């Protein structure tokens, strides 16, 4: 289809002389008459131009829209929009105002405070058009607990493991946003809720405990677990 190619087209008419007009005449007169008729015919014709431009597709409706987020002080909420197409431009807004530098499909807010509360939208633009995503609200939890983290599960107070065996210390708390630090003696050994170590040696025996911190900076220490490693 020519409708997708960007070019212009010039058309001219062709005049064919009747057979009898070409008989009894020399080659020169035939050419002369043909040229004169072509010129006369062209002078009576209106100019014809064809403008063909390449079609730029319209943007599709976003397949992923921003969703409402309810989080706690200090969290890192995420807003996201996804639109099919190449060379797209993004601009995020909060309460109708552009967010400087936020020009990607994903918007991550680090360490939110009450100032970040509001309605978020994203403008997606192509060479032909722009569209706005759905609106999504960011809200902070109404109450911020002043209590230390609540430990809901912790290892037993003593474990006896054979040398070369495996140690697993698992701990959970009531809030998924809490942070964990496991210690062996006074040395930190893990920053996950679960500490695991393979091929234990005698030196791996001793006291283990975990310190749990919440987003307000309050902390709770687990009970100690004493690990005894015996020789094979």
C-alpha atoms as a PDB file:
ATOM      1  CA  UNK A   1       0.000   0.000   0.000  1.00  0.00           C
ATOM      2  CA  UNK A   2       1.406   3.409  -1.000  1.00  0.00           C
ATOM      3  CA  UNK A   3      -0.356   5.168   1.861  1.00  0.00           C
ATOM      4  CA  UNK A   4       2.504   4.297   4.212  1.00  0.00           C
ATOM      5  CA  UNK A   5       5.328   5.798   2.094  1.00  0.00           C
ATOM      6  CA  UNK A   6       6.323   9.503   2.492  1.00  0.00           C
ATOM      7  CA  UNK A   7       6.792  10.806  -1.095  1.00  0.00           C
ATOM      8  CA  UNK A   8       5.087  12.969  -3.783  1.00  0.00           C
ATOM      9  CA  UNK A   9       3.984  11.741  -7.205  1.00  0.00           C
ATOM     10  CA  UNK A  10       4.071  13.582 -10.562  1.00  0.00           C
ATOM     11  CA  UNK A  11       1.632  12.352 -13.229  1.00  0.00           C
ATOM     12  CA  UNK A  12       1.482  13.295 -16.941  1.00  0.00           C
ATOM     13  CA  UNK A  13      -0.893  12.339 -19.737  1.00  0.00           C
ATOM     14  CA  UNK A  14       0.194  10.351 -22.810  1.00  0.00           C
ATOM     15  CA  UNK A  15      -1.261  11.281 -26.233  1.00  0.00           C
ATOM     16  CA  UNK A  16      -1.400   8.601 -28.940  1.00  0.00           C
ATOM     17  CA  UNK A  17      -1.965   9.776 -32.505  1.00  0.00           C
ATOM     18  CA  UNK A  18      -4.431   7.901 -34.720  1.00  0.00           C
ATOM     19  CA  UNK A  19      -2.962   5.494 -37.250  1.00  0.00           C
ATOM     20  CA  UNK A  20      -4.091   7.572 -40.295  1.00  0.00           C
ATOM     21  CA  UNK A  21      -2.419  10.687 -38.958  1.00  0.00           C
ATOM     22  CA  UNK A  22       0.897   8.879 -38.943  1.00  0.00           C
ATOM     23  CA  UNK A  23       0.629   7.641 -42.568  1.00  0.00           C
ATOM     24  CA  UNK A  24       2.249   9.681 -45.313  1.00  0.00           C
ATOM     25  CA  UNK A  25       4.187  11.796 -42.879  1.00  0.00           C
ATOM     26  CA  UNK A  26       7.854  11.779 -42.110  1.00  0.00           C
ATOM     27  CA  UNK A  27       9.373  10.951 -38.787  1.00  0.00           C
ATOM     28  CA  UNK A  28      10.098  14.625 -38.095  1.00  0.00           C
ATOM     29  CA  UNK A  29       6.489  15.737 -38.591  1.00  0.00           C
ATOM     30  CA  UNK A  30       5.239  12.890 -36.393  1.00  0.00           C
ATOM     31  CA  UNK A  31       7.479  13.961 -33.569  1.00  0.00           C
ATOM     32  CA  UNK A  32       6.611  17.611 -34.067  1.00  0.00           C
ATOM     33  CA  UNK A  33       2.845  16.992 -34.014  1.00  0.00           C
ATOM     34  CA  UNK A  34       3.111  14.681 -31.006  1.00  0.00           C
ATOM     35  CA  UNK A  35       4.999  17.294 -29.022  1.00  0.00           C
ATOM     36  CA  UNK A  36       2.546  20.073 -29.930  1.00  0.00           C
ATOM     37  CA  UNK A  37      -0.470  17.975 -28.958  1.00  0.00           C
ATOM     38  CA  UNK A  38       1.199  16.975 -25.683  1.00  0.00           C
ATOM     39  CA  UNK A  39       1.815  20.632 -24.860  1.00  0.00           C
ATOM     40  CA  UNK A  40      -1.719  21.663 -25.817  1.00  0.00           C
ATOM     41  CA  UNK A  41      -3.239  18.832 -23.838  1.00  0.00           C
ATOM     42  CA  UNK A  42      -1.083  19.652 -20.814  1.00  0.00           C
ATOM     43  CA  UNK A  43      -2.176  23.298 -20.926  1.00  0.00           C
ATOM     44  CA  UNK A  44      -5.832  22.265 -20.633  1.00  0.00           C
ATOM     45  CA  UNK A  45      -5.198  19.902 -17.714  1.00  0.00           C
ATOM     46  CA  UNK A  46      -5.260  20.883 -14.070  1.00  0.00           C
ATOM     47  CA  UNK A  47      -2.046  20.184 -12.114  1.00  0.00           C
ATOM     48  CA  UNK A  48      -2.209  16.943 -10.181  1.00  0.00           C
ATOM     49  CA  UNK A  49      -0.326  16.366  -6.960  1.00  0.00           C
ATOM     50  CA  UNK A  50      -0.460  13.458  -4.564  1.00  0.00           C
ATOM     51  CA  UNK A  51       0.641  13.922  -0.958  1.00  0.00           C
ATOM     52  CA  UNK A  52       1.473  10.710   0.825  1.00  0.00           C
ATOM     53  CA  UNK A  53       2.652  10.771   4.451  1.00  0.00           C
ATOM     54  CA  UNK A  54       3.790   8.038   6.767  1.00  0.00           C
ATOM     55  CA  UNK A  55       1.183   7.180   9.398  1.00  0.00           C
ATOM     56  CA  UNK A  56       2.311   7.307  13.038  1.00  0.00           C
ATOM     57  CA  UNK A  57       0.326   4.829  15.169  1.00  0.00           C
ATOM     58  CA  UNK A  58      -1.761   6.039  18.085  1.00  0.00           C
ATOM     59  CA  UNK A  59      -0.733   5.144  21.617  1.00  0.00           C
ATOM     60  CA  UNK A  60      -2.296   2.061  23.137  1.00  0.00           C
ATOM     61  CA  UNK A  61      -4.149   2.178  26.440  1.00  0.00           C
ATOM     62  CA  UNK A  62      -1.631   1.414  29.237  1.00  0.00           C
ATOM     63  CA  UNK A  63      -1.541  -2.286  30.064  1.00  0.00           C
ATOM     64  CA  UNK A  64      -0.297  -1.486  33.589  1.00  0.00           C
ATOM     65  CA  UNK A  65      -1.802   1.459  35.491  1.00  0.00           C
ATOM     66  CA  UNK A  66      -0.638   3.021  38.775  1.00  0.00           C
ATOM     67  CA  UNK A  67      -2.387   1.635  41.842  1.00  0.00           C
ATOM     68  CA  UNK A  68      -3.194   3.115  45.237  1.00  0.00           C
ATOM     69  CA  UNK A  69      -0.499   2.621  47.851  1.00  0.00           C
ATOM     70  CA  UNK A  70      -0.928   2.651  51.619  1.00  0.00           C
ATOM     71  CA  UNK A  71       2.436   2.521  53.348  1.00  0.00           C
ATOM     72  CA  UNK A  72       4.291   3.496  56.469  1.00  0.00           C
ATOM     73  CA  UNK A  73       6.671   6.334  57.179  1.00  0.00           C
ATOM     74  CA  UNK A  74      10.070   5.587  55.600  1.00  0.00           C
ATOM     75  CA  UNK A  75       8.827   2.964  53.093  1.00  0.00           C
ATOM     76  CA  UNK A  76       9.748   2.873  49.372  1.00  0.00           C
ATOM     77  CA  UNK A  77       6.448   2.710  47.432  1.00  0.00           C
ATOM     78  CA  UNK A  78       6.397   2.034  43.688  1.00  0.00           C
ATOM     79  CA  UNK A  79       4.143   3.407  40.949  1.00  0.00           C
ATOM     80  CA  UNK A  80       4.348   1.971  37.447  1.00  0.00           C
ATOM     81  CA  UNK A  81       2.836   2.465  33.992  1.00  0.00           C
ATOM     82  CA  UNK A  82       3.363   0.312  30.903  1.00  0.00           C
ATOM     83  CA  UNK A  83       2.438   1.296  27.329  1.00  0.00           C
ATOM     84  CA  UNK A  84       3.314  -0.565  24.123  1.00  0.00           C
ATOM     85  CA  UNK A  85       5.514   1.448  21.771  1.00  0.00           C
ATOM     86  CA  UNK A  86       9.041   2.693  21.094  1.00  0.00           C
ATOM     87  CA  UNK A  87      10.615   6.054  21.842  1.00  0.00           C
ATOM     88  CA  UNK A  88       7.989   7.026  24.413  1.00  0.00           C
ATOM     89  CA  UNK A  89       8.465   9.874  26.887  1.00  0.00           C
ATOM     90  CA  UNK A  90       7.224   9.761  30.494  1.00  0.00           C
ATOM     91  CA  UNK A  91       6.500  12.483  33.045  1.00  0.00           C
ATOM     92  CA  UNK A  92       5.135  11.846  36.526  1.00  0.00           C
ATOM     93  CA  UNK A  93       2.906  14.277  38.414  1.00  0.00           C
ATOM     94  CA  UNK A  94       1.905  14.623  42.058  1.00  0.00           C
ATOM     95  CA  UNK A  95      -1.229  16.642  42.772  1.00  0.00           C
ATOM     96  CA  UNK A  96      -1.055  18.074  39.256  1.00  0.00           C
ATOM     97  CA  UNK A  97       2.562  19.279  39.511  1.00  0.00           C
ATOM     98  CA  UNK A  98       5.453  17.824  37.513  1.00  0.00           C
ATOM     99  CA  UNK A  99       7.989  15.840  39.528  1.00  0.00           C
ATOM    100  CA  UNK A 100      11.406  17.011  38.390  1.00  0.00           C
ATOM    101  CA  UNK A 101      13.552  14.229  36.957  1.00  0.00           C
ATOM    102  CA  UNK A 102      10.832  11.576  37.210  1.00  0.00           C
ATOM    103  CA  UNK A 103      10.759  10.644  33.514  1.00  0.00           C
ATOM    104  CA  UNK A 104      10.717   6.837  33.539  1.00  0.00           C
ATOM    105  CA  UNK A 105       7.967   4.260  33.421  1.00  0.00           C
ATOM    106  CA  UNK A 106       8.625   3.404  37.105  1.00  0.00           C
ATOM    107  CA  UNK A 107       8.423   5.892  39.961  1.00  0.00           C
ATOM    108  CA  UNK A 108      10.058   4.854  43.242  1.00  0.00           C
ATOM    109  CA  UNK A 109       9.772   7.133  46.275  1.00  0.00           C
ATOM    110  CA  UNK A 110      12.494   6.598  48.864  1.00  0.00           C
ATOM    111  CA  UNK A 111      11.816   7.203  52.553  1.00  0.00           C
ATOM    112  CA  UNK A 112       8.319   8.664  52.234  1.00  0.00           C
ATOM    113  CA  UNK A 113       7.014  11.235  54.705  1.00  0.00           C
ATOM    114  CA  UNK A 114       3.611  12.961  54.977  1.00  0.00           C
ATOM    115  CA  UNK A 115       4.850  15.463  52.358  1.00  0.00           C
ATOM    116  CA  UNK A 116       4.721  12.678  49.736  1.00  0.00           C
ATOM    117  CA  UNK A 117       1.031  11.982  50.241  1.00  0.00           C
ATOM    118  CA  UNK A 118      -1.145  12.859  47.269  1.00  0.00           C
ATOM    119  CA  UNK A 119      -2.444  11.779  43.874  1.00  0.00           C
ATOM    120  CA  UNK A 120       0.025  10.493  41.302  1.00  0.00           C
ATOM    121  CA  UNK A 121      -0.379  10.266  37.514  1.00  0.00           C
ATOM    122  CA  UNK A 122       1.917   9.751  34.545  1.00  0.00           C
ATOM    123  CA  UNK A 123       1.833  11.407  31.124  1.00  0.00           C
ATOM    124  CA  UNK A 124       3.016   9.193  28.259  1.00  0.00           C
ATOM    125  CA  UNK A 125       3.902  10.935  24.987  1.00  0.00           C
ATOM    126  CA  UNK A 126       4.783   9.876  21.469  1.00  0.00           C
ATOM    127  CA  UNK A 127       5.452  11.993  18.362  1.00  0.00           C
ATOM    128  CA  UNK A 128       1.741  12.043  17.586  1.00  0.00           C
ATOM    129  CA  UNK A 129      -0.129  12.274  20.884  1.00  0.00           C
ATOM    130  CA  UNK A 130      -0.042  12.207  24.677  1.00  0.00           C
ATOM    131  CA  UNK A 131      -2.219  10.417  27.190  1.00  0.00           C
ATOM    132  CA  UNK A 132      -2.551  10.396  30.957  1.00  0.00           C
ATOM    133  CA  UNK A 133      -2.581   7.306  33.140  1.00  0.00           C
ATOM    134  CA  UNK A 134      -5.125   6.602  35.825  1.00  0.00           C
ATOM    135  CA  UNK A 135      -4.745   8.472  39.104  1.00  0.00           C
ATOM    136  CA  UNK A 136      -3.369   6.642  42.141  1.00  0.00           C
ATOM    137  CA  UNK A 137      -3.261   7.904  45.714  1.00  0.00           C
ATOM    138  CA  UNK A 138      -0.366   7.546  48.124  1.00  0.00           C
ATOM    139  CA  UNK A 139      -1.450   7.405  51.760  1.00  0.00           C
ATOM    140  CA  UNK A 140       0.468   6.899  54.970  1.00  0.00           C
ATOM    141  CA  UNK A 141      -0.884   4.708  57.715  1.00  0.00           C
ATOM    142  CA  UNK A 142      -2.948   6.753  60.124  1.00  0.00           C
ATOM    143  CA  UNK A 143      -1.016   5.646  63.188  1.00  0.00           C
ATOM    144  CA  UNK A 144       2.691   5.074  63.690  1.00  0.00           C
ATOM    145  CA  UNK A 145       3.373   2.606  66.442  1.00  0.00           C
ATOM    146  CA  UNK A 146       5.614   3.765  69.247  1.00  0.00           C
ATOM    147  CA  UNK A 147       6.128   0.168  70.346  1.00  0.00           C
ATOM    148  CA  UNK A 148       9.225  -1.908  69.564  1.00  0.00           C
ATOM    149  CA  UNK A 149       8.937  -4.746  67.017  1.00  0.00           C
ATOM    150  CA  UNK A 150       6.960  -7.798  68.042  1.00  0.00           C
ATOM    151  CA  UNK A 151       8.832 -11.089  67.565  1.00  0.00           C
ATOM    152  CA  UNK A 152       6.405 -13.869  66.657  1.00  0.00           C
ATOM    153  CA  UNK A 153       8.822 -16.793  66.195  1.00  0.00           C
ATOM    154  CA  UNK A 154      12.410 -17.408  67.291  1.00  0.00           C
ATOM    155  CA  UNK A 155      14.805 -20.376  67.529  1.00  0.00           C
ATOM    156  CA  UNK A 156      15.026 -22.578  70.636  1.00  0.00           C
ATOM    157  CA  UNK A 157      17.433 -21.595  73.398  1.00  0.00           C
ATOM    158  CA  UNK A 158      19.871 -24.436  72.604  1.00  0.00           C
ATOM    159  CA  UNK A 159      20.928 -26.445  69.544  1.00  0.00           C
ATOM    160  CA  UNK A 160      23.361 -29.361  69.390  1.00  0.00           C
ATOM    161  CA  UNK A 161      24.785 -30.007  65.909  1.00  0.00           C
ATOM    162  CA  UNK A 162      27.455 -32.386  64.668  1.00  0.00           C
ATOM    163  CA  UNK A 163      30.609 -30.940  63.117  1.00  0.00           C
ATOM    164  CA  UNK A 164      30.123 -30.543  59.356  1.00  0.00           C
ATOM    165  CA  UNK A 165      26.372 -30.141  59.788  1.00  0.00           C
ATOM    166  CA  UNK A 166      24.126 -27.192  58.992  1.00  0.00           C
ATOM    167  CA  UNK A 167      22.824 -24.421  61.242  1.00  0.00           C
ATOM    168  CA  UNK A 168      19.513 -22.683  60.506  1.00  0.00           C
ATOM    169  CA  UNK A 169      18.268 -19.839  62.701  1.00  0.00           C
ATOM    170  CA  UNK A 170      14.880 -18.471  61.604  1.00  0.00           C
ATOM    171  CA  UNK A 171      13.020 -15.552  63.165  1.00  0.00           C
ATOM    172  CA  UNK A 172       9.826 -13.685  62.203  1.00  0.00           C
ATOM    173  CA  UNK A 173       8.147 -10.495  63.402  1.00  0.00           C
ATOM    174  CA  UNK A 174       4.657  -9.055  63.153  1.00  0.00           C
ATOM    175  CA  UNK A 175       5.613  -6.326  60.639  1.00  0.00           C
ATOM    176  CA  UNK A 176       6.989  -7.191  57.196  1.00  0.00           C
ATOM    177  CA  UNK A 177       8.888  -3.885  57.045  1.00  0.00           C
ATOM    178  CA  UNK A 178      11.111  -4.736  60.042  1.00  0.00           C
ATOM    179  CA  UNK A 179      14.857  -5.157  59.584  1.00  0.00           C
ATOM    180  CA  UNK A 180      16.954  -7.985  61.036  1.00  0.00           C
ATOM    181  CA  UNK A 181      20.577  -8.397  62.130  1.00  0.00           C
ATOM    182  CA  UNK A 182      21.901 -11.729  63.379  1.00  0.00           C
ATOM    183  CA  UNK A 183      24.925 -11.821  65.678  1.00  0.00           C
ATOM    184  CA  UNK A 184      27.391 -14.557  66.611  1.00  0.00           C
ATOM    185  CA  UNK A 185      28.793 -13.307  69.873  1.00  0.00           C
ATOM    186  CA  UNK A 186      29.144  -9.583  69.178  1.00  0.00           C
ATOM    187  CA  UNK A 187      29.873  -9.904  65.465  1.00  0.00           C
ATOM    188  CA  UNK A 188      27.065  -9.415  62.896  1.00  0.00           C
ATOM    189  CA  UNK A 189      26.787 -12.374  60.544  1.00  0.00           C
ATOM    190  CA  UNK A 190      23.530 -11.826  58.610  1.00  0.00           C
ATOM    191  CA  UNK A 191      21.003  -9.125  57.710  1.00  0.00           C
ATOM    192  CA  UNK A 192      18.157 -11.466  56.879  1.00  0.00           C
ATOM    193  CA  UNK A 193      15.398 -12.917  59.030  1.00  0.00           C
ATOM    194  CA  UNK A 194      16.914 -16.353  58.448  1.00  0.00           C
ATOM    195  CA  UNK A 195      20.581 -17.156  59.079  1.00  0.00           C
ATOM    196  CA  UNK A 196      21.964 -20.336  57.554  1.00  0.00           C
ATOM    197  CA  UNK A 197      25.486 -21.764  57.712  1.00  0.00           C
ATOM    198  CA  UNK A 198      26.816 -25.004  56.219  1.00  0.00           C
ATOM    199  CA  UNK A 199      29.741 -27.247  57.257  1.00  0.00           C
ATOM    200  CA  UNK A 200      29.950 -26.125  60.838  1.00  0.00           C
ATOM    201  CA  UNK A 201      33.216 -26.302  62.737  1.00  0.00           C
ATOM    202  CA  UNK A 202      33.935 -26.150  66.444  1.00  0.00           C
ATOM    203  CA  UNK A 203      34.533 -22.407  66.065  1.00  0.00           C
ATOM    204  CA  UNK A 204      30.913 -21.908  64.965  1.00  0.00           C
ATOM    205  CA  UNK A 205      29.620 -22.843  68.393  1.00  0.00           C
ATOM    206  CA  UNK A 206      28.518 -20.191  70.849  1.00  0.00           C
ATOM    207  CA  UNK A 207      25.793 -17.615  71.369  1.00  0.00           C
ATOM    208  CA  UNK A 208      23.532 -16.373  68.553  1.00  0.00           C
ATOM    209  CA  UNK A 209      20.808 -13.732  68.728  1.00  0.00           C
ATOM    210  CA  UNK A 210      18.935 -11.349  66.432  1.00  0.00           C
ATOM    211  CA  UNK A 211      18.145  -7.641  66.748  1.00  0.00           C
ATOM    212  CA  UNK A 212      14.926  -6.513  65.030  1.00  0.00           C
ATOM    213  CA  UNK A 213      14.419  -2.834  64.119  1.00  0.00           C
ATOM    214  CA  UNK A 214      11.313  -1.116  62.785  1.00  0.00           C
ATOM    215  CA  UNK A 215      11.035   1.959  60.557  1.00  0.00           C
ATOM    216  CA  UNK A 216      10.787   4.230  63.607  1.00  0.00           C
ATOM    217  CA  UNK A 217      14.213   3.017  64.764  1.00  0.00           C
ATOM    218  CA  UNK A 218      12.887   1.057  67.741  1.00  0.00           C
ATOM    219  CA  UNK A 219      14.411  -2.357  68.255  1.00  0.00           C
ATOM    220  CA  UNK A 220      13.824  -5.670  69.995  1.00  0.00           C
ATOM    221  CA  UNK A 221      16.435  -8.302  70.809  1.00  0.00           C
ATOM    222  CA  UNK A 222      15.566 -11.970  70.498  1.00  0.00           C
ATOM    223  CA  UNK A 223      16.490 -14.472  73.150  1.00  0.00           C
ATOM    224  CA  UNK A 224      19.899 -16.081  72.796  1.00  0.00           C
ATOM    225  CA  UNK A 225      20.366 -19.457  71.154  1.00  0.00           C
ATOM    226  CA  UNK A 226      23.451 -21.374  72.270  1.00  0.00           C
ATOM    227  CA  UNK A 227      24.861 -23.664  69.598  1.00  0.00           C
ATOM    228  CA  UNK A 228      27.046 -26.602  70.592  1.00  0.00           C
ATOM    229  CA  UNK A 229      29.074 -28.226  67.836  1.00  0.00           C
ATOM    230  CA  UNK A 230      30.448 -31.704  68.673  1.00  0.00           C
ATOM    231  CA  UNK A 231      33.141 -33.635  66.833  1.00  0.00           C
ATOM    232  CA  UNK A 232      32.221 -36.569  64.587  1.00  0.00           C
END
